PDB file of N, CA and C in Angstrom:
ATOM      1  N   GLU A   1     -22.152 122.713  10.593  1.00  0.00           N
ATOM      2  CA  GLU A   1     -21.088 121.719  10.678  1.00  0.00           C
ATOM      3  C   GLU A   1     -19.897 122.156   9.846  1.00  0.00           C
ATOM      4  N   LEU A   2     -20.128 122.762   8.717  1.00  0.00           N
ATOM      5  CA  LEU A   2     -19.069 123.202   7.842  1.00  0.00           C
ATOM      6  C   LEU A   2     -18.253 124.312   8.490  1.00  0.00           C
ATOM      7  N   GLU A   3     -18.911 125.213   9.194  1.00  0.00           N
ATOM      8  CA  GLU A   3     -18.215 126.313   9.873  1.00  0.00           C
ATOM      9  C   GLU A   3     -17.321 125.774  10.992  1.00  0.00           C
ATOM     10  N   MET A   4     -17.808 124.803  11.712  1.00  0.00           N
ATOM     11  CA  MET A   4     -17.030 124.213  12.803  1.00  0.00           C
ATOM     12  C   MET A   4     -15.790 123.527  12.259  1.00  0.00           C
ATOM     13  N   SER A   5     -15.901 122.839  11.187  1.00  0.00           N
ATOM     14  CA  SER A   5     -14.772 122.165  10.572  1.00  0.00           C
ATOM     15  C   SER A   5     -13.784 123.188  10.040  1.00  0.00           C
ATOM     16  N   SER A   6     -14.282 124.263   9.478  1.00  0.00           N
ATOM     17  CA  SER A   6     -13.425 125.337   8.974  1.00  0.00           C
ATOM     18  C   SER A   6     -12.688 126.010  10.127  1.00  0.00           C
ATOM     19  N   LEU A   7     -13.404 126.257  11.196  1.00  0.00           N
ATOM     20  CA  LEU A   7     -12.789 126.866  12.383  1.00  0.00           C
ATOM     21  C   LEU A   7     -11.742 125.931  12.971  1.00  0.00           C
ATOM     22  N   HIS A   8     -12.048 124.665  12.997  1.00  0.00           N
ATOM     23  CA  HIS A   8     -11.123 123.650  13.514  1.00  0.00           C
ATOM     24  C   HIS A   8      -9.839 123.628  12.681  1.00  0.00           C
ATOM     25  N   SER A   9      -9.941 123.789  11.375  1.00  0.00           N
ATOM     26  CA  SER A   9      -8.766 123.765  10.511  1.00  0.00           C
ATOM     27  C   SER A   9      -7.879 124.986  10.731  1.00  0.00           C
ATOM     28  N   TYR A  10      -8.442 126.070  11.242  1.00  0.00           N
ATOM     29  CA  TYR A  10      -7.635 127.252  11.571  1.00  0.00           C
ATOM     30  C   TYR A  10      -7.030 127.157  12.964  1.00  0.00           C
ATOM     31  N   VAL A  11      -7.793 126.617  13.880  1.00  0.00           N
ATOM     32  CA  VAL A  11      -7.366 126.569  15.283  1.00  0.00           C
ATOM     33  C   VAL A  11      -6.254 125.546  15.498  1.00  0.00           C
ATOM     34  N   MET A  12      -6.342 124.406  14.875  1.00  0.00           N
ATOM     35  CA  MET A  12      -5.356 123.344  15.119  1.00  0.00           C
ATOM     36  C   MET A  12      -3.934 123.757  14.731  1.00  0.00           C
ATOM     37  N   PRO A  13      -3.711 124.375  13.567  1.00  0.00           N
ATOM     38  CA  PRO A  13      -2.345 124.821  13.270  1.00  0.00           C
ATOM     39  C   PRO A  13      -1.851 125.894  14.245  1.00  0.00           C
ATOM     40  N   LEU A  14      -2.766 126.768  14.656  1.00  0.00           N
ATOM     41  CA  LEU A  14      -2.384 127.792  15.638  1.00  0.00           C
ATOM     42  C   LEU A  14      -2.010 127.154  16.976  1.00  0.00           C
ATOM     43  N   LYS A  15      -2.792 126.156  17.347  1.00  0.00           N
ATOM     44  CA  LYS A  15      -2.516 125.444  18.592  1.00  0.00           C
ATOM     45  C   LYS A  15      -1.156 124.731  18.511  1.00  0.00           C
ATOM     46  N   ALA A  16      -0.886 124.088  17.399  1.00  0.00           N
ATOM     47  CA  ALA A  16       0.400 123.406  17.202  1.00  0.00           C
ATOM     48  C   ALA A  16       1.549 124.404  17.210  1.00  0.00           C
ATOM     49  N   ALA A  17       1.341 125.542  16.547  1.00  0.00           N
ATOM     50  CA  ALA A  17       2.384 126.577  16.529  1.00  0.00           C
ATOM     51  C   ALA A  17       2.652 127.089  17.940  1.00  0.00           C
ATOM     52  N   TYR A  18       1.583 127.256  18.731  1.00  0.00           N
ATOM     53  CA  TYR A  18       1.761 127.726  20.114  1.00  0.00           C
ATOM     54  C   TYR A  18       2.569 126.715  20.917  1.00  0.00           C
ATOM     55  N   TYR A  19       2.277 125.435  20.776  1.00  0.00           N
ATOM     56  CA  TYR A  19       3.017 124.412  21.502  1.00  0.00           C
ATOM     57  C   TYR A  19       4.490 124.406  21.089  1.00  0.00           C
ATOM     58  N   CYS A  20       4.743 124.527  19.781  1.00  0.00           N
ATOM     59  CA  CYS A  20       6.132 124.594  19.302  1.00  0.00           C
ATOM     60  C   CYS A  20       6.834 125.813  19.893  1.00  0.00           C
ATOM     61  N   TYR A  21       6.139 126.958  19.867  1.00  0.00           N
ATOM     62  CA  TYR A  21       6.709 128.183  20.436  1.00  0.00           C
ATOM     63  C   TYR A  21       7.017 127.983  21.915  1.00  0.00           C
ATOM     64  N   ASP A  22       6.083 127.367  22.625  1.00  0.00           N
ATOM     65  CA  ASP A  22       6.268 127.147  24.061  1.00  0.00           C
ATOM     66  C   ASP A  22       7.472 126.246  24.330  1.00  0.00           C
ATOM     67  N   ILE A  23       7.629 125.207  23.537  1.00  0.00           N
ATOM     68  CA  ILE A  23       8.767 124.290  23.704  1.00  0.00           C
ATOM     69  C   ILE A  23      10.076 125.009  23.392  1.00  0.00           C
ATOM     70  N   ILE A  24      10.093 125.729  22.271  1.00  0.00           N
ATOM     71  CA  ILE A  24      11.311 126.465  21.895  1.00  0.00           C
ATOM     72  C   ILE A  24      11.648 127.505  22.950  1.00  0.00           C
ATOM     73  N   TYR A  25      10.644 128.227  23.431  1.00  0.00           N
ATOM     74  CA  TYR A  25      10.864 129.239  24.472  1.00  0.00           C
ATOM     75  C   TYR A  25      11.455 128.598  25.725  1.00  0.00           C
ATOM     76  N   SER A  26      10.911 127.457  26.114  1.00  0.00           N
ATOM     77  CA  SER A  26      11.407 126.765  27.315  1.00  0.00           C
ATOM     78  C   SER A  26      12.857 126.332  27.142  1.00  0.00           C
ATOM     79  N   VAL A  27      13.178 125.790  25.974  1.00  0.00           N
ATOM     80  CA  VAL A  27      14.553 125.336  25.711  1.00  0.00           C
ATOM     81  C   VAL A  27      15.510 126.519  25.707  1.00  0.00           C
ATOM     82  N   VAL A  28      15.133 127.594  25.016  1.00  0.00           N
ATOM     83  CA  VAL A  28      15.993 128.778  24.956  1.00  0.00           C
ATOM     84  C   VAL A  28      16.165 129.384  26.343  1.00  0.00           C
ATOM     85  N   ALA A  29      15.085 129.479  27.098  1.00  0.00           N
ATOM     86  CA  ALA A  29      15.169 130.033  28.449  1.00  0.00           C
ATOM     87  C   ALA A  29      16.076 129.173  29.331  1.00  0.00           C
ATOM     88  N   ASP A  30      15.959 127.852  29.196  1.00  0.00           N
ATOM     89  CA  ASP A  30      16.803 126.944  29.969  1.00  0.00           C
ATOM     90  C   ASP A  30      18.281 127.116  29.594  1.00  0.00           C
ATOM     91  N   LEU A  31      18.553 127.160  28.279  1.00  0.00           N
ATOM     92  CA  LEU A  31      19.941 127.349  27.834  1.00  0.00           C
ATOM     93  C   LEU A  31      20.491 128.687  28.288  1.00  0.00           C
ATOM     94  N   PHE A  32      19.683 129.718  28.191  1.00  0.00           N
ATOM     95  CA  PHE A  32      20.115 131.042  28.641  1.00  0.00           C
ATOM     96  C   PHE A  32      20.430 131.025  30.137  1.00  0.00           C
ATOM     97  N   GLY A  33      19.569 130.402  30.909  1.00  0.00           N
ATOM     98  CA  GLY A  33      19.787 130.311  32.356  1.00  0.00           C
ATOM     99  C   GLY A  33      21.067 129.560  32.693  1.00  0.00           C
ATOM    100  N   ARG A  34      21.292 128.446  32.010  1.00  0.00           N
ATOM    101  CA  ARG A  34      22.522 127.683  32.249  1.00  0.00           C
ATOM    102  C   ARG A  34      23.762 128.491  31.879  1.00  0.00           C
ATOM    103  N   ASN A  35      23.694 129.152  30.726  1.00  0.00           N
ATOM    104  CA  ASN A  35      24.826 129.947  30.275  1.00  0.00           C
ATOM    105  C   ASN A  35      25.095 131.103  31.236  1.00  0.00           C
ATOM    106  N   LEU A  36      24.042 131.747  31.706  1.00  0.00           N
ATOM    107  CA  LEU A  36      24.191 132.848  32.657  1.00  0.00           C
ATOM    108  C   LEU A  36      24.813 132.349  33.962  1.00  0.00           C
ATOM    109  N   ARG A  37      24.352 131.213  34.467  1.00  0.00           N
ATOM    110  CA  ARG A  37      24.927 130.659  35.700  1.00  0.00           C
ATOM    111  C   ARG A  37      26.395 130.308  35.501  1.00  0.00           C
ATOM    112  N   ARG A  38      26.727 129.735  34.346  1.00  0.00           N
ATOM    113  CA  ARG A  38      28.114 129.376  34.053  1.00  0.00           C
ATOM    114  C   ARG A  38      28.986 130.630  34.015  1.00  0.00           C
ATOM    115  N   GLN A  39      28.490 131.674  33.354  1.00  0.00           N
ATOM    116  CA  GLN A  39      29.254 132.919  33.266  1.00  0.00           C
ATOM    117  C   GLN A  39      29.439 133.543  34.643  1.00  0.00           C
ATOM    118  N   LEU A  40      28.387 133.525  35.452  1.00  0.00           N
ATOM    119  CA  LEU A  40      28.497 134.075  36.801  1.00  0.00           C
ATOM    120  C   LEU A  40      29.484 133.271  37.632  1.00  0.00           C
ATOM    121  N   SER A  41      29.457 131.963  37.470  1.00  0.00           N
ATOM    122  CA  SER A  41      30.411 131.120  38.192  1.00  0.00           C
ATOM    123  C   SER A  41      31.837 131.444  37.785  1.00  0.00           C
ATOM    124  N   LEU A  42      32.062 131.624  36.481  1.00  0.00           N
ATOM    125  CA  LEU A  42      33.407 131.970  36.009  1.00  0.00           C
ATOM    126  C   LEU A  42      33.852 133.321  36.544  1.00  0.00           C
ATOM    127  N   VAL A  43      32.937 134.285  36.560  1.00  0.00           N
ATOM    128  CA  VAL A  43      33.275 135.611  37.094  1.00  0.00           C
ATOM    129  C   VAL A  43      33.610 135.506  38.571  1.00  0.00           C
ATOM    130  N   GLN A  44      32.801 134.759  39.320  1.00  0.00           N
ATOM    131  CA  GLN A  44      33.048 134.592  40.748  1.00  0.00           C
ATOM    132  C   GLN A  44      34.377 133.880  41.005  1.00  0.00           C
ATOM    133  N   MET A  45      34.660 132.843  40.214  1.00  0.00           N
ATOM    134  CA  MET A  45      35.930 132.128  40.377  1.00  0.00           C
ATOM    135  C   MET A  45      37.105 133.043  40.049  1.00  0.00           C
ATOM    136  N   THR A  46      36.944 133.865  39.015  1.00  0.00           N
ATOM    137  CA  THR A  46      38.009 134.785  38.642  1.00  0.00           C
ATOM    138  C   THR A  46      38.259 135.796  39.748  1.00  0.00           C
ATOM    139  N   GLN A  47      37.191 136.341  40.313  1.00  0.00           N
ATOM    140  CA  GLN A  47      37.348 137.306  41.403  1.00  0.00           C
ATOM    141  C   GLN A  47      38.002 136.658  42.623  1.00  0.00           C
ATOM    142  N   ALA A  48      37.594 135.457  42.952  1.00  0.00           N
ATOM    143  CA  ALA A  48      38.189 134.764  44.098  1.00  0.00           C
ATOM    144  C   ALA A  48      39.664 134.470  43.841  1.00  0.00           C
ATOM    145  N   THR A  49      39.981 134.072  42.618  1.00  0.00           N
ATOM    146  CA  THR A  49      41.370 133.772  42.267  1.00  0.00           C
ATOM    147  C   THR A  49      42.229 135.019  42.343  1.00  0.00           C
ATOM    148  N   ARG A  50      41.688 136.129  41.861  1.00  0.00           N
ATOM    149  CA  ARG A  50      42.436 137.399  41.950  1.00  0.00           C
ATOM    150  C   ARG A  50      42.797 137.704  43.401  1.00  0.00           C
ATOM    151  N   ASN A  51      41.823 137.519  44.286  1.00  0.00           N
ATOM    152  CA  ASN A  51      42.075 137.800  45.703  1.00  0.00           C
ATOM    153  C   ASN A  51      43.121 136.865  46.289  1.00  0.00           C
ATOM    154  N   ILE A  52      43.077 135.610  45.913  1.00  0.00           N
ATOM    155  CA  ILE A  52      44.049 134.641  46.419  1.00  0.00           C
ATOM    156  C   ILE A  52      45.453 134.986  45.935  1.00  0.00           C
ATOM    157  N   LEU A  53      45.546 135.384  44.665  1.00  0.00           N
ATOM    158  CA  LEU A  53      46.864 135.685  44.097  1.00  0.00           C
ATOM    159  C   LEU A  53      47.474 136.955  44.686  1.00  0.00           C
ATOM    160  N   ARG A  54      46.686 137.754  45.378  1.00  0.00           N
ATOM    161  CA  ARG A  54      47.196 138.986  45.978  1.00  0.00           C
ATOM    162  C   ARG A  54      47.732 138.779  47.390  1.00  0.00           C
ATOM    163  N   VAL A  55      47.345 137.681  48.026  1.00  0.00           N
ATOM    164  CA  VAL A  55      47.743 137.434  49.413  1.00  0.00           C
ATOM    165  C   VAL A  55      48.992 136.559  49.409  1.00  0.00           C
ATOM    166  N   ASN A  56      50.093 137.106  49.913  1.00  0.00           N
ATOM    167  CA  ASN A  56      51.374 136.390  49.874  1.00  0.00           C
ATOM    168  C   ASN A  56      51.336 135.051  50.596  1.00  0.00           C
ATOM    169  N   GLU A  57      50.673 134.993  51.736  1.00  0.00           N
ATOM    170  CA  GLU A  57      50.630 133.750  52.508  1.00  0.00           C
ATOM    171  C   GLU A  57      49.913 132.649  51.726  1.00  0.00           C
ATOM    172  N   GLN A  58      48.788 132.981  51.116  1.00  0.00           N
ATOM    173  CA  GLN A  58      48.051 131.985  50.338  1.00  0.00           C
ATOM    174  C   GLN A  58      48.832 131.572  49.098  1.00  0.00           C
ATOM    175  N   LEU A  59      49.471 132.533  48.472  1.00  0.00           N
ATOM    176  CA  LEU A  59      50.284 132.233  47.295  1.00  0.00           C
ATOM    177  C   LEU A  59      51.453 131.335  47.669  1.00  0.00           C
ATOM    178  N   SER A  60      52.039 131.600  48.818  1.00  0.00           N
ATOM    179  CA  SER A  60      53.140 130.775  49.303  1.00  0.00           C
ATOM    180  C   SER A  60      52.665 129.343  49.577  1.00  0.00           C
ATOM    181  N   ASP A  61      51.480 129.213  50.162  1.00  0.00           N
ATOM    182  CA  ASP A  61      50.909 127.883  50.409  1.00  0.00           C
ATOM    183  C   ASP A  61      50.641 127.146  49.095  1.00  0.00           C
ATOM    184  N   MET A  62      50.124 127.877  48.103  1.00  0.00           N
ATOM    185  CA  MET A  62      49.875 127.261  46.800  1.00  0.00           C
ATOM    186  C   MET A  62      51.177 126.787  46.166  1.00  0.00           C
ATOM    187  N   LEU A  63      52.203 127.595  46.267  1.00  0.00           N
ATOM    188  CA  LEU A  63      53.506 127.226  45.707  1.00  0.00           C
ATOM    189  C   LEU A  63      54.061 125.994  46.410  1.00  0.00           C
ATOM    190  N   SER A  64      53.906 125.954  47.714  1.00  0.00           N
ATOM    191  CA  SER A  64      54.365 124.790  48.472  1.00  0.00           C
ATOM    192  C   SER A  64      53.613 123.528  48.052  1.00  0.00           C
ATOM    193  N   ASP A  65      52.298 123.636  47.930  1.00  0.00           N
ATOM    194  CA  ASP A  65      51.488 122.495  47.478  1.00  0.00           C
ATOM    195  C   ASP A  65      51.876 122.077  46.064  1.00  0.00           C
ATOM    196  N   TRP A  66      52.122 123.057  45.218  1.00  0.00           N
ATOM    197  CA  TRP A  66      52.518 122.789  43.834  1.00  0.00           C
ATOM    198  C   TRP A  66      53.811 121.998  43.791  1.00  0.00           C
ATOM    199  N   ARG A  67      54.757 122.388  44.618  1.00  0.00           N
ATOM    200  CA  ARG A  67      56.065 121.719  44.626  1.00  0.00           C
ATOM    201  C   ARG A  67      55.986 120.303  45.165  1.00  0.00           C
ATOM    202  N   GLU A  68      54.947 119.992  45.925  1.00  0.00           N
ATOM    203  CA  GLU A  68      54.783 118.646  46.485  1.00  0.00           C
ATOM    204  C   GLU A  68      54.096 117.673  45.512  1.00  0.00           C
ATOM    205  N   LEU A  69      53.595 118.185  44.411  1.00  0.00           N
ATOM    206  CA  LEU A  69      52.943 117.309  43.438  1.00  0.00           C
ATOM    207  C   LEU A  69      53.965 116.342  42.835  1.00  0.00           C
ATOM    208  N   ASN A  70      53.514 115.123  42.588  1.00  0.00           N
ATOM    209  CA  ASN A  70      54.369 114.103  41.999  1.00  0.00           C
ATOM    210  C   ASN A  70      54.115 114.087  40.485  1.00  0.00           C
ATOM    211  N   PHE A  71      54.941 114.853  39.765  1.00  0.00           N
ATOM    212  CA  PHE A  71      54.722 114.998  38.333  1.00  0.00           C
ATOM    213  C   PHE A  71      55.079 113.737  37.546  1.00  0.00           C
ATOM    214  N   VAL A  72      55.905 112.886  38.105  1.00  0.00           N
ATOM    215  CA  VAL A  72      56.214 111.618  37.430  1.00  0.00           C
ATOM    216  C   VAL A  72      54.956 110.756  37.387  1.00  0.00           C
ATOM    217  N   ASP A  73      54.246 110.668  38.522  1.00  0.00           N
ATOM    218  CA  ASP A  73      53.004 109.895  38.547  1.00  0.00           C
ATOM    219  C   ASP A  73      51.941 110.519  37.648  1.00  0.00           C
ATOM    220  N   ILE A  74      51.868 111.831  37.640  1.00  0.00           N
ATOM    221  CA  ILE A  74      50.908 112.516  36.769  1.00  0.00           C
ATOM    222  C   ILE A  74      51.225 112.203  35.317  1.00  0.00           C
ATOM    223  N   SER A  75      52.492 112.220  34.977  1.00  0.00           N
ATOM    224  CA  SER A  75      52.908 111.914  33.607  1.00  0.00           C
ATOM    225  C   SER A  75      52.557 110.474  33.254  1.00  0.00           C
ATOM    226  N   ARG A  76      52.831 109.543  34.151  1.00  0.00           N
ATOM    227  CA  ARG A  76      52.503 108.132  33.893  1.00  0.00           C
ATOM    228  C   ARG A  76      51.009 107.951  33.681  1.00  0.00           C
ATOM    229  N   LEU A  77      50.224 108.606  34.517  1.00  0.00           N
ATOM    230  CA  LEU A  77      48.773 108.498  34.401  1.00  0.00           C
ATOM    231  C   LEU A  77      48.293 109.083  33.080  1.00  0.00           C
ATOM    232  N   SER A  78      48.840 110.204  32.669  1.00  0.00           N
ATOM    233  CA  SER A  78      48.418 110.803  31.403  1.00  0.00           C
ATOM    234  C   SER A  78      48.785 109.904  30.227  1.00  0.00           C
ATOM    235  N   VAL A  79      49.936 109.247  30.286  1.00  0.00           N
ATOM    236  CA  VAL A  79      50.321 108.312  29.227  1.00  0.00           C
ATOM    237  C   VAL A  79      49.367 107.127  29.224  1.00  0.00           C
ATOM    238  N   PHE A  80      49.007 106.635  30.413  1.00  0.00           N
ATOM    239  CA  PHE A  80      48.086 105.506  30.516  1.00  0.00           C
ATOM    240  C   PHE A  80      46.713 105.870  29.963  1.00  0.00           C
ATOM    241  N   ILE A  81      46.199 107.049  30.335  1.00  0.00           N
ATOM    242  CA  ILE A  81      44.862 107.462  29.906  1.00  0.00           C
ATOM    243  C   ILE A  81      44.812 107.690  28.403  1.00  0.00           C
ATOM    244  N   THR A  82      45.821 108.338  27.864  1.00  0.00           N
ATOM    245  CA  THR A  82      45.814 108.638  26.433  1.00  0.00           C
ATOM    246  C   THR A  82      46.313 107.471  25.590  1.00  0.00           C
ATOM    247  N   GLN A  83      46.848 106.450  26.244  1.00  0.00           N
ATOM    248  CA  GLN A  83      47.362 105.254  25.579  1.00  0.00           C
ATOM    249  C   GLN A  83      48.414 105.600  24.528  1.00  0.00           C
ATOM    250  N   GLN A  84      49.272 106.529  24.871  1.00  0.00           N
ATOM    251  CA  GLN A  84      50.351 106.906  23.971  1.00  0.00           C
ATOM    252  C   GLN A  84      51.618 106.171  24.381  1.00  0.00           C
ATOM    253  N   ASP A  85      52.497 105.994  23.420  1.00  0.00           N
ATOM    254  CA  ASP A  85      53.783 105.369  23.698  1.00  0.00           C
ATOM    255  C   ASP A  85      54.810 106.463  23.986  1.00  0.00           C
ATOM    256  N   ALA A  86      54.566 107.195  25.042  1.00  0.00           N
ATOM    257  CA  ALA A  86      55.468 108.296  25.387  1.00  0.00           C
ATOM    258  C   ALA A  86      56.216 107.940  26.668  1.00  0.00           C
ATOM    259  N   ASP A  87      57.314 108.588  26.832  1.00  0.00           N
ATOM    260  CA  ASP A  87      58.116 108.393  28.038  1.00  0.00           C
ATOM    261  C   ASP A  87      57.409 109.075  29.206  1.00  0.00           C
ATOM    262  N   PRO A  88      57.039 108.316  30.260  1.00  0.00           N
ATOM    263  CA  PRO A  88      56.332 108.920  31.379  1.00  0.00           C
ATOM    264  C   PRO A  88      57.157 109.955  32.134  1.00  0.00           C
ATOM    265  N   SER A  89      58.442 109.979  31.933  1.00  0.00           N
ATOM    266  CA  SER A  89      59.261 111.005  32.585  1.00  0.00           C
ATOM    267  C   SER A  89      59.485 112.164  31.619  1.00  0.00           C
ATOM    268  N   SER A  90      58.516 112.374  30.758  1.00  0.00           N
ATOM    269  CA  SER A  90      58.582 113.380  29.702  1.00  0.00           C
ATOM    270  C   SER A  90      58.943 114.756  30.242  1.00  0.00           C
ATOM    271  N   ASP A  91      59.715 115.464  29.446  1.00  0.00           N
ATOM    272  CA  ASP A  91      60.104 116.822  29.812  1.00  0.00           C
ATOM    273  C   ASP A  91      58.941 117.797  29.679  1.00  0.00           C
ATOM    274  N   LEU A  92      57.930 117.417  28.920  1.00  0.00           N
ATOM    275  CA  LEU A  92      56.806 118.313  28.697  1.00  0.00           C
ATOM    276  C   LEU A  92      56.128 118.704  30.010  1.00  0.00           C
ATOM    277  N   ILE A  93      55.802 117.731  30.822  1.00  0.00           N
ATOM    278  CA  ILE A  93      55.117 118.026  32.078  1.00  0.00           C
ATOM    279  C   ILE A  93      56.035 118.812  33.010  1.00  0.00           C
ATOM    280  N   ARG A  94      57.291 118.453  33.040  1.00  0.00           N
ATOM    281  CA  ARG A  94      58.236 119.215  33.873  1.00  0.00           C
ATOM    282  C   ARG A  94      58.338 120.662  33.400  1.00  0.00           C
ATOM    283  N   GLU A  95      58.393 120.832  32.083  1.00  0.00           N
ATOM    284  CA  GLU A  95      58.504 122.183  31.529  1.00  0.00           C
ATOM    285  C   GLU A  95      57.271 123.032  31.872  1.00  0.00           C
ATOM    286  N   VAL A  96      56.102 122.460  31.686  1.00  0.00           N
ATOM    287  CA  VAL A  96      54.862 123.176  31.996  1.00  0.00           C
ATOM    288  C   VAL A  96      54.772 123.456  33.496  1.00  0.00           C
ATOM    289  N   ALA A  97      55.147 122.492  34.310  1.00  0.00           N
ATOM    290  CA  ALA A  97      55.121 122.680  35.762  1.00  0.00           C
ATOM    291  C   ALA A  97      56.093 123.777  36.191  1.00  0.00           C
ATOM    292  N   LEU A  98      57.262 123.810  35.582  1.00  0.00           N
ATOM    293  CA  LEU A  98      58.241 124.847  35.909  1.00  0.00           C
ATOM    294  C   LEU A  98      57.734 126.229  35.507  1.00  0.00           C
ATOM    295  N   GLU A  99      57.109 126.321  34.341  1.00  0.00           N
ATOM    296  CA  GLU A  99      56.538 127.598  33.913  1.00  0.00           C
ATOM    297  C   GLU A  99      55.467 128.071  34.886  1.00  0.00           C
ATOM    298  N   MET A 100      54.616 127.154  35.320  1.00  0.00           N
ATOM    299  CA  MET A 100      53.560 127.496  36.277  1.00  0.00           C
ATOM    300  C   MET A 100      54.169 127.951  37.595  1.00  0.00           C
ATOM    301  N   GLU A 101      55.189 127.242  38.044  1.00  0.00           N
ATOM    302  CA  GLU A 101      55.857 127.610  39.295  1.00  0.00           C
ATOM    303  C   GLU A 101      56.466 129.011  39.194  1.00  0.00           C
ATOM    304  N   GLN A 102      57.039 129.330  38.046  1.00  0.00           N
ATOM    305  CA  GLN A 102      57.618 130.659  37.857  1.00  0.00           C
ATOM    306  C   GLN A 102      56.549 131.745  37.937  1.00  0.00           C
ATOM    307  N   LEU A 103      55.357 131.446  37.456  1.00  0.00           N
ATOM    308  CA  LEU A 103      54.260 132.409  37.580  1.00  0.00           C
ATOM    309  C   LEU A 103      53.901 132.634  39.049  1.00  0.00           C
ATOM    310  N   PHE A 104      53.894 131.545  39.830  1.00  0.00           N
ATOM    311  CA  PHE A 104      53.648 131.676  41.266  1.00  0.00           C
ATOM    312  C   PHE A 104      54.720 132.541  41.926  1.00  0.00           C
ATOM    313  N   VAL A 105      55.969 132.238  41.626  1.00  0.00           N
ATOM    314  CA  VAL A 105      57.092 132.937  42.252  1.00  0.00           C
ATOM    315  C   VAL A 105      57.062 134.430  41.899  1.00  0.00           C
ATOM    316  N   LYS A 106      56.750 134.738  40.661  1.00  0.00           N
ATOM    317  CA  LYS A 106      56.706 136.140  40.225  1.00  0.00           C
ATOM    318  C   LYS A 106      55.465 136.873  40.727  1.00  0.00           C
ATOM    319  N   GLN A 107      54.546 136.142  41.339  1.00  0.00           N
ATOM    320  CA  GLN A 107      53.270 136.687  41.791  1.00  0.00           C
ATOM    321  C   GLN A 107      52.552 137.389  40.632  1.00  0.00           C
ATOM    322  N   SER A 108      52.472 136.683  39.550  1.00  0.00           N
ATOM    323  CA  SER A 108      51.867 137.224  38.331  1.00  0.00           C
ATOM    324  C   SER A 108      50.375 137.459  38.514  1.00  0.00           C
ATOM    325  N   PRO A 109      49.852 138.486  37.856  1.00  0.00           N
ATOM    326  CA  PRO A 109      48.400 138.702  37.898  1.00  0.00           C
ATOM    327  C   PRO A 109      47.664 137.625  37.105  1.00  0.00           C
ATOM    328  N   LEU A 110      46.390 137.529  37.336  1.00  0.00           N
ATOM    329  CA  LEU A 110      45.574 136.481  36.735  1.00  0.00           C
ATOM    330  C   LEU A 110      45.632 136.506  35.210  1.00  0.00           C
ATOM    331  N   GLU A 111      45.695 137.682  34.619  1.00  0.00           N
ATOM    332  CA  GLU A 111      45.733 137.794  33.162  1.00  0.00           C
ATOM    333  C   GLU A 111      46.967 137.094  32.583  1.00  0.00           C
ATOM    334  N   VAL A 112      48.064 137.133  33.306  1.00  0.00           N
ATOM    335  CA  VAL A 112      49.287 136.470  32.843  1.00  0.00           C
ATOM    336  C   VAL A 112      49.093 134.953  32.837  1.00  0.00           C
ATOM    337  N   TYR A 113      48.373 134.425  33.820  1.00  0.00           N
ATOM    338  CA  TYR A 113      48.075 132.989  33.845  1.00  0.00           C
ATOM    339  C   TYR A 113      47.240 132.606  32.620  1.00  0.00           C
ATOM    340  N   PHE A 114      46.242 133.447  32.294  1.00  0.00           N
ATOM    341  CA  PHE A 114      45.411 133.182  31.118  1.00  0.00           C
ATOM    342  C   PHE A 114      46.254 133.191  29.846  1.00  0.00           C
ATOM    343  N   GLU A 115      47.115 134.182  29.715  1.00  0.00           N
ATOM    344  CA  GLU A 115      47.976 134.261  28.531  1.00  0.00           C
ATOM    345  C   GLU A 115      48.896 133.039  28.450  1.00  0.00           C
ATOM    346  N   TRP A 116      49.458 132.662  29.598  1.00  0.00           N
ATOM    347  CA  TRP A 116      50.340 131.491  29.642  1.00  0.00           C
ATOM    348  C   TRP A 116      49.571 130.229  29.229  1.00  0.00           C
ATOM    349  N   LEU A 117      48.377 130.048  29.776  1.00  0.00           N
ATOM    350  CA  LEU A 117      47.574 128.871  29.453  1.00  0.00           C
ATOM    351  C   LEU A 117      47.225 128.846  27.974  1.00  0.00           C
ATOM    352  N   ASP A 118      46.885 130.000  27.415  1.00  0.00           N
ATOM    353  CA  ASP A 118      46.628 130.070  25.973  1.00  0.00           C
ATOM    354  C   ASP A 118      47.851 129.637  25.171  1.00  0.00           C
ATOM    355  N   SER A 119      49.029 130.094  25.594  1.00  0.00           N
ATOM    356  CA  SER A 119      50.248 129.733  24.859  1.00  0.00           C
ATOM    357  C   SER A 119      50.555 128.244  24.999  1.00  0.00           C
ATOM    358  N   VAL A 120      50.321 127.683  26.166  1.00  0.00           N
ATOM    359  CA  VAL A 120      50.548 126.240  26.363  1.00  0.00           C
ATOM    360  C   VAL A 120      49.614 125.444  25.458  1.00  0.00           C
ATOM    361  N   ILE A 121      48.358 125.831  25.415  1.00  0.00           N
ATOM    362  CA  ILE A 121      47.395 125.125  24.570  1.00  0.00           C
ATOM    363  C   ILE A 121      47.780 125.255  23.107  1.00  0.00           C
ATOM    364  N   GLU A 122      48.158 126.463  22.720  1.00  0.00           N
ATOM    365  CA  GLU A 122      48.523 126.673  21.319  1.00  0.00           C
ATOM    366  C   GLU A 122      49.772 125.877  20.940  1.00  0.00           C
ATOM    367  N   LYS A 123      50.784 125.881  21.819  1.00  0.00           N
ATOM    368  CA  LYS A 123      52.040 125.170  21.510  1.00  0.00           C
ATOM    369  C   LYS A 123      51.867 123.653  21.594  1.00  0.00           C
ATOM    370  N   ARG A 124      51.160 123.179  22.609  1.00  0.00           N
ATOM    371  CA  ARG A 124      51.144 121.740  22.899  1.00  0.00           C
ATOM    372  C   ARG A 124      49.952 121.000  22.320  1.00  0.00           C
ATOM    373  N   VAL A 125      48.824 121.665  22.216  1.00  0.00           N
ATOM    374  CA  VAL A 125      47.612 120.972  21.789  1.00  0.00           C
ATOM    375  C   VAL A 125      47.306 121.231  20.317  1.00  0.00           C
ATOM    376  N   CYS A 126      47.400 122.480  19.909  1.00  0.00           N
ATOM    377  CA  CYS A 126      47.030 122.848  18.537  1.00  0.00           C
ATOM    378  C   CYS A 126      48.064 122.441  17.503  1.00  0.00           C
ATOM    379  N   ASN A 127      49.298 122.264  17.914  1.00  0.00           N
ATOM    380  CA  ASN A 127      50.351 121.902  16.948  1.00  0.00           C
ATOM    381  C   ASN A 127      50.514 120.418  16.819  1.00  0.00           C
TER     382      ASN A 127
END
């Protein structure tokens, strides 16, 4: 009886450690899988975007759609959502929209869009 109890005292911590390892492994594997899928999705979206930005007809359609956006309504909605006391006809949205339109017109490569977006975030959000 003493040997069985002694063996039990060794086995139970090992069993608990195995279960903890199994849970941690499952969580890490799940997180890794999600992160890998997210990265693959970003790579695929980037490749698709590169192709779209190279085709003049598609770029022209995007520019046309961009110009049809109602930035006054977008500005009003953003003021409503953020509950700020800002002028809904703010120059900020017009300025950002104009910069984006200029990127379309110049047929800028995707890297330029990333750099522009970084600068917008740094100027408008971080400051």
